[in-house]
């Protein structure tokens, strides 16, 4: 069990979690029952009051379930059998509810499950659930997604309102192609007379093609498009906090 991650739990909750992890280490099949019940048995809710929905990081129940997955990974019965671990993790995700799926995604970076990891991340990115998308673009997405898939994941965040602060190490991996894609997204929104999410400008930067297109839209004879372009250009110039 990660003592640091569980430090905020009351002693009774820590005791219950230790009992569950010990049980799973001795009998990996127990996770099929214990994983869904983990939040009820140990703890649930936000780990950070500033992040009540768990978009920017794991919730308490995510952390509890991550401890159960770590116990499964370390179970002697699964030693040298990454195929069995991958099979069990995939089943927990596929048959789980949204909270359970999110917990699997949050824990994937610390599990050796091979090709199952990108498959589960891709599945999450096909949904419109902001919590799953945010989790998929956390450390597991940074580690397992190819460059094209990762870029599309970042765009999915813009489409669904997931803050880019949820994307693990965004600035390290962002590139000119992502800026071009984000610029195209901004121009499409303006052409439809719709607002451009403020986070978009963190990606676009000073892309000249995007700025030319928005400037042209600001002269459009269509009032909705003109107003949307003017709002977008004003938002682009607004100072932003780093990160």
C-alpha atoms as a PDB file:
ATOM      1  CA  UNK A   1       0.000   0.000   0.000  1.00  0.00           C
ATOM      2  CA  UNK A   2       1.204   3.513  -0.794  1.00  0.00           C
ATOM      3  CA  UNK A   3       1.493   5.054   2.664  1.00  0.00           C
ATOM      4  CA  UNK A   4       1.783   8.576   1.306  1.00  0.00           C
ATOM      5  CA  UNK A   5      -1.328   8.287  -0.857  1.00  0.00           C
ATOM      6  CA  UNK A   6      -3.324   6.785   2.021  1.00  0.00           C
ATOM      7  CA  UNK A   7      -2.061   9.167   4.679  1.00  0.00           C
ATOM      8  CA  UNK A   8      -5.261  11.219   4.629  1.00  0.00           C
ATOM      9  CA  UNK A   9      -7.401   8.200   5.524  1.00  0.00           C
ATOM     10  CA  UNK A  10      -8.579   7.712   9.100  1.00  0.00           C
ATOM     11  CA  UNK A  11      -6.947   4.825  10.928  1.00  0.00           C
ATOM     12  CA  UNK A  12     -10.041   2.637  10.662  1.00  0.00           C
ATOM     13  CA  UNK A  13     -10.148   3.118   6.871  1.00  0.00           C
ATOM     14  CA  UNK A  14      -6.432   2.299   6.638  1.00  0.00           C
ATOM     15  CA  UNK A  15      -7.044  -0.851   8.641  1.00  0.00           C
ATOM     16  CA  UNK A  16      -9.852  -1.928   6.313  1.00  0.00           C
ATOM     17  CA  UNK A  17      -7.690  -1.236   3.270  1.00  0.00           C
ATOM     18  CA  UNK A  18      -4.815  -3.280   4.677  1.00  0.00           C
ATOM     19  CA  UNK A  19      -7.208  -6.174   5.195  1.00  0.00           C
ATOM     20  CA  UNK A  20      -8.428  -5.941   1.594  1.00  0.00           C
ATOM     21  CA  UNK A  21      -4.955  -5.730   0.086  1.00  0.00           C
ATOM     22  CA  UNK A  22      -3.792  -8.687   2.190  1.00  0.00           C
ATOM     23  CA  UNK A  23      -6.803 -10.674   1.045  1.00  0.00           C
ATOM     24  CA  UNK A  24      -6.144  -9.945  -2.642  1.00  0.00           C
ATOM     25  CA  UNK A  25      -2.431 -10.689  -2.341  1.00  0.00           C
ATOM     26  CA  UNK A  26      -3.342 -14.115  -0.986  1.00  0.00           C
ATOM     27  CA  UNK A  27      -6.316 -14.715  -3.290  1.00  0.00           C
ATOM     28  CA  UNK A  28      -6.280 -12.647  -6.526  1.00  0.00           C
ATOM     29  CA  UNK A  29      -9.805 -13.836  -7.420  1.00  0.00           C
ATOM     30  CA  UNK A  30     -11.113 -11.766  -4.497  1.00  0.00           C
ATOM     31  CA  UNK A  31     -10.579  -8.550  -6.422  1.00  0.00           C
ATOM     32  CA  UNK A  32     -13.648  -9.246  -8.573  1.00  0.00           C
ATOM     33  CA  UNK A  33     -15.793  -8.681  -5.465  1.00  0.00           C
ATOM     34  CA  UNK A  34     -13.638  -6.253  -3.503  1.00  0.00           C
ATOM     35  CA  UNK A  35     -12.856  -3.783  -6.307  1.00  0.00           C
ATOM     36  CA  UNK A  36     -16.491  -2.691  -6.926  1.00  0.00           C
ATOM     37  CA  UNK A  37     -17.141  -2.458  -3.170  1.00  0.00           C
ATOM     38  CA  UNK A  38     -13.904  -0.636  -2.304  1.00  0.00           C
ATOM     39  CA  UNK A  39     -15.367   2.861  -1.998  1.00  0.00           C
ATOM     40  CA  UNK A  40     -18.133   1.648   0.307  1.00  0.00           C
ATOM     41  CA  UNK A  41     -15.795  -0.486   2.380  1.00  0.00           C
ATOM     42  CA  UNK A  42     -12.910   1.978   2.748  1.00  0.00           C
ATOM     43  CA  UNK A  43     -13.361   5.574   1.512  1.00  0.00           C
ATOM     44  CA  UNK A  44     -14.812   7.715  -1.237  1.00  0.00           C
ATOM     45  CA  UNK A  45     -14.910  11.373  -2.219  1.00  0.00           C
ATOM     46  CA  UNK A  46     -12.421  14.022  -3.316  1.00  0.00           C
ATOM     47  CA  UNK A  47      -8.807  13.772  -2.258  1.00  0.00           C
ATOM     48  CA  UNK A  48      -8.401  17.490  -2.989  1.00  0.00           C
ATOM     49  CA  UNK A  49     -11.257  19.869  -2.061  1.00  0.00           C
ATOM     50  CA  UNK A  50     -10.241  22.055  -5.011  1.00  0.00           C
ATOM     51  CA  UNK A  51     -10.871  19.127  -7.374  1.00  0.00           C
ATOM     52  CA  UNK A  52     -14.224  17.708  -6.209  1.00  0.00           C
ATOM     53  CA  UNK A  53     -14.938  15.807  -9.423  1.00  0.00           C
ATOM     54  CA  UNK A  54     -11.528  14.177  -9.688  1.00  0.00           C
ATOM     55  CA  UNK A  55     -10.729  15.709 -13.060  1.00  0.00           C
ATOM     56  CA  UNK A  56      -7.231  16.863 -12.193  1.00  0.00           C
ATOM     57  CA  UNK A  57      -6.157  13.931 -10.066  1.00  0.00           C
ATOM     58  CA  UNK A  58      -7.326  10.795  -8.292  1.00  0.00           C
ATOM     59  CA  UNK A  59     -10.156  10.763  -5.773  1.00  0.00           C
ATOM     60  CA  UNK A  60      -9.937   8.876  -2.490  1.00  0.00           C
ATOM     61  CA  UNK A  61     -11.778   5.927  -4.038  1.00  0.00           C
ATOM     62  CA  UNK A  62      -9.375   5.980  -7.009  1.00  0.00           C
ATOM     63  CA  UNK A  63      -6.469   5.711  -4.579  1.00  0.00           C
ATOM     64  CA  UNK A  64      -8.119   2.918  -2.621  1.00  0.00           C
ATOM     65  CA  UNK A  65      -8.744   0.940  -5.809  1.00  0.00           C
ATOM     66  CA  UNK A  66      -5.199   1.640  -7.010  1.00  0.00           C
ATOM     67  CA  UNK A  67      -3.936  -0.009  -3.809  1.00  0.00           C
ATOM     68  CA  UNK A  68      -6.080  -3.066  -4.594  1.00  0.00           C
ATOM     69  CA  UNK A  69      -4.677  -3.217  -8.131  1.00  0.00           C
ATOM     70  CA  UNK A  70      -1.134  -2.953  -6.772  1.00  0.00           C
ATOM     71  CA  UNK A  71      -1.900  -5.876  -4.443  1.00  0.00           C
ATOM     72  CA  UNK A  72      -3.180  -7.847  -7.421  1.00  0.00           C
ATOM     73  CA  UNK A  73      -0.024  -7.035  -9.393  1.00  0.00           C
ATOM     74  CA  UNK A  74       2.163  -8.222  -6.516  1.00  0.00           C
ATOM     75  CA  UNK A  75       0.193 -11.387  -5.721  1.00  0.00           C
ATOM     76  CA  UNK A  76       2.502 -14.446  -5.769  1.00  0.00           C
ATOM     77  CA  UNK A  77      -0.088 -16.399  -7.774  1.00  0.00           C
ATOM     78  CA  UNK A  78       0.345 -13.945 -10.662  1.00  0.00           C
ATOM     79  CA  UNK A  79       4.132 -13.764 -10.515  1.00  0.00           C
ATOM     80  CA  UNK A  80       5.548 -14.128 -14.015  1.00  0.00           C
ATOM     81  CA  UNK A  81       2.044 -14.104 -15.543  1.00  0.00           C
ATOM     82  CA  UNK A  82       1.455 -10.603 -16.937  1.00  0.00           C
ATOM     83  CA  UNK A  83      -1.188 -12.123 -19.230  1.00  0.00           C
ATOM     84  CA  UNK A  84      -3.358 -13.012 -16.230  1.00  0.00           C
ATOM     85  CA  UNK A  85      -2.901  -9.567 -14.711  1.00  0.00           C
ATOM     86  CA  UNK A  86      -3.855  -7.926 -18.014  1.00  0.00           C
ATOM     87  CA  UNK A  87      -6.926 -10.139 -18.318  1.00  0.00           C
ATOM     88  CA  UNK A  88      -8.122  -9.283 -14.816  1.00  0.00           C
ATOM     89  CA  UNK A  89      -7.491  -5.537 -15.189  1.00  0.00           C
ATOM     90  CA  UNK A  90      -9.332  -5.472 -18.518  1.00  0.00           C
ATOM     91  CA  UNK A  91     -12.321  -7.271 -16.964  1.00  0.00           C
ATOM     92  CA  UNK A  92     -12.449  -4.848 -14.032  1.00  0.00           C
ATOM     93  CA  UNK A  93     -12.542  -1.966 -16.495  1.00  0.00           C
ATOM     94  CA  UNK A  94     -15.031  -3.418 -18.965  1.00  0.00           C
ATOM     95  CA  UNK A  95     -17.534  -4.611 -16.382  1.00  0.00           C
ATOM     96  CA  UNK A  96     -17.078  -1.687 -14.010  1.00  0.00           C
ATOM     97  CA  UNK A  97     -19.144   1.468 -13.621  1.00  0.00           C
ATOM     98  CA  UNK A  98     -17.677   4.876 -14.434  1.00  0.00           C
ATOM     99  CA  UNK A  99     -15.963   5.201 -11.049  1.00  0.00           C
ATOM    100  CA  UNK A 100     -14.351   1.786 -11.403  1.00  0.00           C
ATOM    101  CA  UNK A 101     -13.247   2.482 -14.981  1.00  0.00           C
ATOM    102  CA  UNK A 102     -11.691   5.768 -13.883  1.00  0.00           C
ATOM    103  CA  UNK A 103      -9.813   4.034 -11.077  1.00  0.00           C
ATOM    104  CA  UNK A 104      -8.349   1.496 -13.507  1.00  0.00           C
ATOM    105  CA  UNK A 105      -7.220   4.288 -15.827  1.00  0.00           C
ATOM    106  CA  UNK A 106      -5.631   6.193 -12.944  1.00  0.00           C
ATOM    107  CA  UNK A 107      -3.685   3.070 -11.936  1.00  0.00           C
ATOM    108  CA  UNK A 108      -2.614   1.851 -15.401  1.00  0.00           C
ATOM    109  CA  UNK A 109       0.723   3.645 -15.366  1.00  0.00           C
ATOM    110  CA  UNK A 110       1.882   1.425 -12.512  1.00  0.00           C
ATOM    111  CA  UNK A 111       0.704  -1.867 -13.996  1.00  0.00           C
ATOM    112  CA  UNK A 112       2.399  -4.138 -16.520  1.00  0.00           C
ATOM    113  CA  UNK A 113      -0.551  -5.051 -18.731  1.00  0.00           C
ATOM    114  CA  UNK A 114       0.970  -4.689 -22.204  1.00  0.00           C
ATOM    115  CA  UNK A 115      -1.342  -3.919 -25.111  1.00  0.00           C
ATOM    116  CA  UNK A 116      -4.387  -3.832 -22.835  1.00  0.00           C
ATOM    117  CA  UNK A 117      -3.398  -0.364 -21.573  1.00  0.00           C
ATOM    118  CA  UNK A 118      -3.789   1.558 -24.873  1.00  0.00           C
ATOM    119  CA  UNK A 119      -6.965  -0.396 -25.630  1.00  0.00           C
ATOM    120  CA  UNK A 120      -8.582   0.752 -22.384  1.00  0.00           C
ATOM    121  CA  UNK A 121      -7.375   4.323 -22.850  1.00  0.00           C
ATOM    122  CA  UNK A 122      -8.761   4.398 -26.400  1.00  0.00           C
ATOM    123  CA  UNK A 123     -12.096   3.131 -25.093  1.00  0.00           C
ATOM    124  CA  UNK A 124     -12.240   5.909 -22.506  1.00  0.00           C
ATOM    125  CA  UNK A 125     -11.451   8.536 -25.139  1.00  0.00           C
ATOM    126  CA  UNK A 126     -14.371   7.314 -27.257  1.00  0.00           C
ATOM    127  CA  UNK A 127     -16.781   8.238 -24.468  1.00  0.00           C
ATOM    128  CA  UNK A 128     -18.117  11.685 -23.625  1.00  0.00           C
ATOM    129  CA  UNK A 129     -17.549  11.234 -19.892  1.00  0.00           C
ATOM    130  CA  UNK A 130     -15.224  14.065 -18.787  1.00  0.00           C
ATOM    131  CA  UNK A 131     -13.955  12.058 -15.805  1.00  0.00           C
ATOM    132  CA  UNK A 132     -12.892   9.127 -17.974  1.00  0.00           C
ATOM    133  CA  UNK A 133     -11.334  11.396 -20.588  1.00  0.00           C
ATOM    134  CA  UNK A 134      -9.388  13.287 -17.930  1.00  0.00           C
ATOM    135  CA  UNK A 135      -8.120  10.041 -16.398  1.00  0.00           C
ATOM    136  CA  UNK A 136      -7.167   8.691 -19.832  1.00  0.00           C
ATOM    137  CA  UNK A 137      -5.053  11.793 -20.465  1.00  0.00           C
ATOM    138  CA  UNK A 138      -3.254  11.469 -17.140  1.00  0.00           C
ATOM    139  CA  UNK A 139       0.038   9.575 -16.674  1.00  0.00           C
ATOM    140  CA  UNK A 140      -1.309   6.493 -18.479  1.00  0.00           C
ATOM    141  CA  UNK A 141      -2.092   8.467 -21.629  1.00  0.00           C
ATOM    142  CA  UNK A 142       1.314  10.131 -21.567  1.00  0.00           C
ATOM    143  CA  UNK A 143       2.998   6.744 -21.263  1.00  0.00           C
ATOM    144  CA  UNK A 144       0.968   4.554 -23.609  1.00  0.00           C
ATOM    145  CA  UNK A 145      -0.600   6.688 -26.355  1.00  0.00           C
ATOM    146  CA  UNK A 146       1.135   7.214 -29.685  1.00  0.00           C
ATOM    147  CA  UNK A 147       1.694  10.831 -30.723  1.00  0.00           C
ATOM    148  CA  UNK A 148      -1.358  10.961 -33.056  1.00  0.00           C
ATOM    149  CA  UNK A 149      -3.631   9.294 -30.485  1.00  0.00           C
ATOM    150  CA  UNK A 150      -2.359  11.593 -27.734  1.00  0.00           C
ATOM    151  CA  UNK A 151      -3.008  14.699 -29.857  1.00  0.00           C
ATOM    152  CA  UNK A 152      -6.561  13.548 -30.550  1.00  0.00           C
ATOM    153  CA  UNK A 153      -6.986  12.978 -26.822  1.00  0.00           C
ATOM    154  CA  UNK A 154      -5.975  16.570 -26.121  1.00  0.00           C
ATOM    155  CA  UNK A 155      -8.504  17.785 -28.708  1.00  0.00           C
ATOM    156  CA  UNK A 156     -11.142  15.578 -27.084  1.00  0.00           C
ATOM    157  CA  UNK A 157     -10.481  17.474 -23.856  1.00  0.00           C
ATOM    158  CA  UNK A 158     -11.270  20.746 -25.640  1.00  0.00           C
ATOM    159  CA  UNK A 159     -14.439  19.296 -27.191  1.00  0.00           C
ATOM    160  CA  UNK A 160     -15.756  18.003 -23.877  1.00  0.00           C
ATOM    161  CA  UNK A 161     -14.689  20.793 -21.544  1.00  0.00           C
ATOM    162  CA  UNK A 162     -11.973  18.860 -19.714  1.00  0.00           C
ATOM    163  CA  UNK A 163      -9.397  21.413 -18.488  1.00  0.00           C
ATOM    164  CA  UNK A 164      -5.998  20.992 -20.100  1.00  0.00           C
ATOM    165  CA  UNK A 165      -4.529  21.018 -16.600  1.00  0.00           C
ATOM    166  CA  UNK A 166      -5.712  17.389 -16.508  1.00  0.00           C
ATOM    167  CA  UNK A 167      -3.339  16.424 -19.357  1.00  0.00           C
ATOM    168  CA  UNK A 168      -0.166  14.973 -17.878  1.00  0.00           C
ATOM    169  CA  UNK A 169       2.986  16.849 -18.969  1.00  0.00           C
ATOM    170  CA  UNK A 170       1.142  18.659 -21.744  1.00  0.00           C
ATOM    171  CA  UNK A 171       3.780  21.324 -22.364  1.00  0.00           C
ATOM    172  CA  UNK A 172       6.496  18.692 -22.673  1.00  0.00           C
ATOM    173  CA  UNK A 173       4.696  16.821 -25.437  1.00  0.00           C
ATOM    174  CA  UNK A 174       2.799  19.575 -27.277  1.00  0.00           C
ATOM    175  CA  UNK A 175       4.137  20.239 -30.771  1.00  0.00           C
ATOM    176  CA  UNK A 176       3.465  22.196 -33.952  1.00  0.00           C
ATOM    177  CA  UNK A 177       0.991  19.594 -35.215  1.00  0.00           C
ATOM    178  CA  UNK A 178      -1.078  19.911 -32.041  1.00  0.00           C
ATOM    179  CA  UNK A 179      -1.025  23.718 -32.434  1.00  0.00           C
ATOM    180  CA  UNK A 180      -2.266  23.329 -36.010  1.00  0.00           C
ATOM    181  CA  UNK A 181      -5.062  20.982 -34.922  1.00  0.00           C
ATOM    182  CA  UNK A 182      -6.121  23.282 -32.099  1.00  0.00           C
ATOM    183  CA  UNK A 183      -6.102  26.226 -34.511  1.00  0.00           C
ATOM    184  CA  UNK A 184      -8.362  24.330 -36.904  1.00  0.00           C
ATOM    185  CA  UNK A 185     -10.698  23.583 -34.009  1.00  0.00           C
ATOM    186  CA  UNK A 186     -10.806  27.278 -33.077  1.00  0.00           C
ATOM    187  CA  UNK A 187     -11.568  28.366 -36.647  1.00  0.00           C
ATOM    188  CA  UNK A 188     -14.328  25.743 -36.970  1.00  0.00           C
ATOM    189  CA  UNK A 189     -15.947  26.968 -33.747  1.00  0.00           C
ATOM    190  CA  UNK A 190     -15.845  30.568 -34.905  1.00  0.00           C
ATOM    191  CA  UNK A 191     -17.244  29.659 -38.340  1.00  0.00           C
ATOM    192  CA  UNK A 192     -20.186  28.075 -36.526  1.00  0.00           C
ATOM    193  CA  UNK A 193     -20.657  31.230 -34.420  1.00  0.00           C
ATOM    194  CA  UNK A 194     -19.608  29.419 -31.262  1.00  0.00           C
ATOM    195  CA  UNK A 195     -17.243  30.374 -28.457  1.00  0.00           C
ATOM    196  CA  UNK A 196     -13.717  28.969 -28.421  1.00  0.00           C
ATOM    197  CA  UNK A 197     -12.674  27.377 -25.090  1.00  0.00           C
ATOM    198  CA  UNK A 198     -10.075  29.545 -23.404  1.00  0.00           C
ATOM    199  CA  UNK A 199      -7.702  26.591 -23.007  1.00  0.00           C
ATOM    200  CA  UNK A 200      -7.400  26.426 -26.805  1.00  0.00           C
ATOM    201  CA  UNK A 201      -4.988  29.379 -26.836  1.00  0.00           C
ATOM    202  CA  UNK A 202      -2.554  27.515 -24.635  1.00  0.00           C
ATOM    203  CA  UNK A 203      -2.101  25.171 -27.614  1.00  0.00           C
ATOM    204  CA  UNK A 204      -2.422  27.549 -30.556  1.00  0.00           C
ATOM    205  CA  UNK A 205       0.033  30.168 -29.406  1.00  0.00           C
ATOM    206  CA  UNK A 206       0.973  32.451 -32.303  1.00  0.00           C
ATOM    207  CA  UNK A 207       0.125  30.055 -35.134  1.00  0.00           C
ATOM    208  CA  UNK A 208      -0.059  32.474 -38.106  1.00  0.00           C
ATOM    209  CA  UNK A 209      -2.548  30.460 -40.149  1.00  0.00           C
ATOM    210  CA  UNK A 210      -5.037  30.429 -37.290  1.00  0.00           C
ATOM    211  CA  UNK A 211      -4.624  34.144 -36.638  1.00  0.00           C
ATOM    212  CA  UNK A 212      -5.154  34.976 -40.319  1.00  0.00           C
ATOM    213  CA  UNK A 213      -8.315  32.885 -40.434  1.00  0.00           C
ATOM    214  CA  UNK A 214      -9.742  34.448 -37.284  1.00  0.00           C
ATOM    215  CA  UNK A 215      -8.909  37.961 -38.468  1.00  0.00           C
ATOM    216  CA  UNK A 216     -10.752  37.227 -41.699  1.00  0.00           C
ATOM    217  CA  UNK A 217     -13.755  35.931 -39.739  1.00  0.00           C
ATOM    218  CA  UNK A 218     -13.755  39.160 -37.696  1.00  0.00           C
ATOM    219  CA  UNK A 219     -14.626  40.939 -40.968  1.00  0.00           C
ATOM    220  CA  UNK A 220     -17.374  38.451 -41.848  1.00  0.00           C
ATOM    221  CA  UNK A 221     -20.760  39.804 -42.961  1.00  0.00           C
ATOM    222  CA  UNK A 222     -22.367  37.193 -40.694  1.00  0.00           C
ATOM    223  CA  UNK A 223     -22.933  38.770 -37.251  1.00  0.00           C
ATOM    224  CA  UNK A 224     -22.593  35.523 -35.278  1.00  0.00           C
ATOM    225  CA  UNK A 225     -19.302  34.596 -36.923  1.00  0.00           C
ATOM    226  CA  UNK A 226     -17.950  38.123 -36.610  1.00  0.00           C
ATOM    227  CA  UNK A 227     -18.841  38.292 -32.912  1.00  0.00           C
ATOM    228  CA  UNK A 228     -17.353  34.844 -32.246  1.00  0.00           C
ATOM    229  CA  UNK A 229     -14.108  35.842 -33.981  1.00  0.00           C
ATOM    230  CA  UNK A 230     -13.873  39.080 -32.038  1.00  0.00           C
ATOM    231  CA  UNK A 231     -14.399  37.218 -28.765  1.00  0.00           C
ATOM    232  CA  UNK A 232     -11.793  34.625 -29.737  1.00  0.00           C
ATOM    233  CA  UNK A 233      -9.188  37.224 -30.647  1.00  0.00           C
ATOM    234  CA  UNK A 234      -9.816  39.105 -27.409  1.00  0.00           C
ATOM    235  CA  UNK A 235      -9.528  35.896 -25.381  1.00  0.00           C
ATOM    236  CA  UNK A 236      -6.285  34.989 -27.153  1.00  0.00           C
ATOM    237  CA  UNK A 237      -4.702  38.238 -25.967  1.00  0.00           C
ATOM    238  CA  UNK A 238      -5.776  37.747 -22.360  1.00  0.00           C
ATOM    239  CA  UNK A 239      -2.840  36.949 -20.021  1.00  0.00           C
ATOM    240  CA  UNK A 240      -2.870  33.411 -18.609  1.00  0.00           C
ATOM    241  CA  UNK A 241      -1.435  31.774 -15.560  1.00  0.00           C
ATOM    242  CA  UNK A 242       1.307  29.263 -16.444  1.00  0.00           C
ATOM    243  CA  UNK A 243       0.392  25.553 -16.485  1.00  0.00           C
END
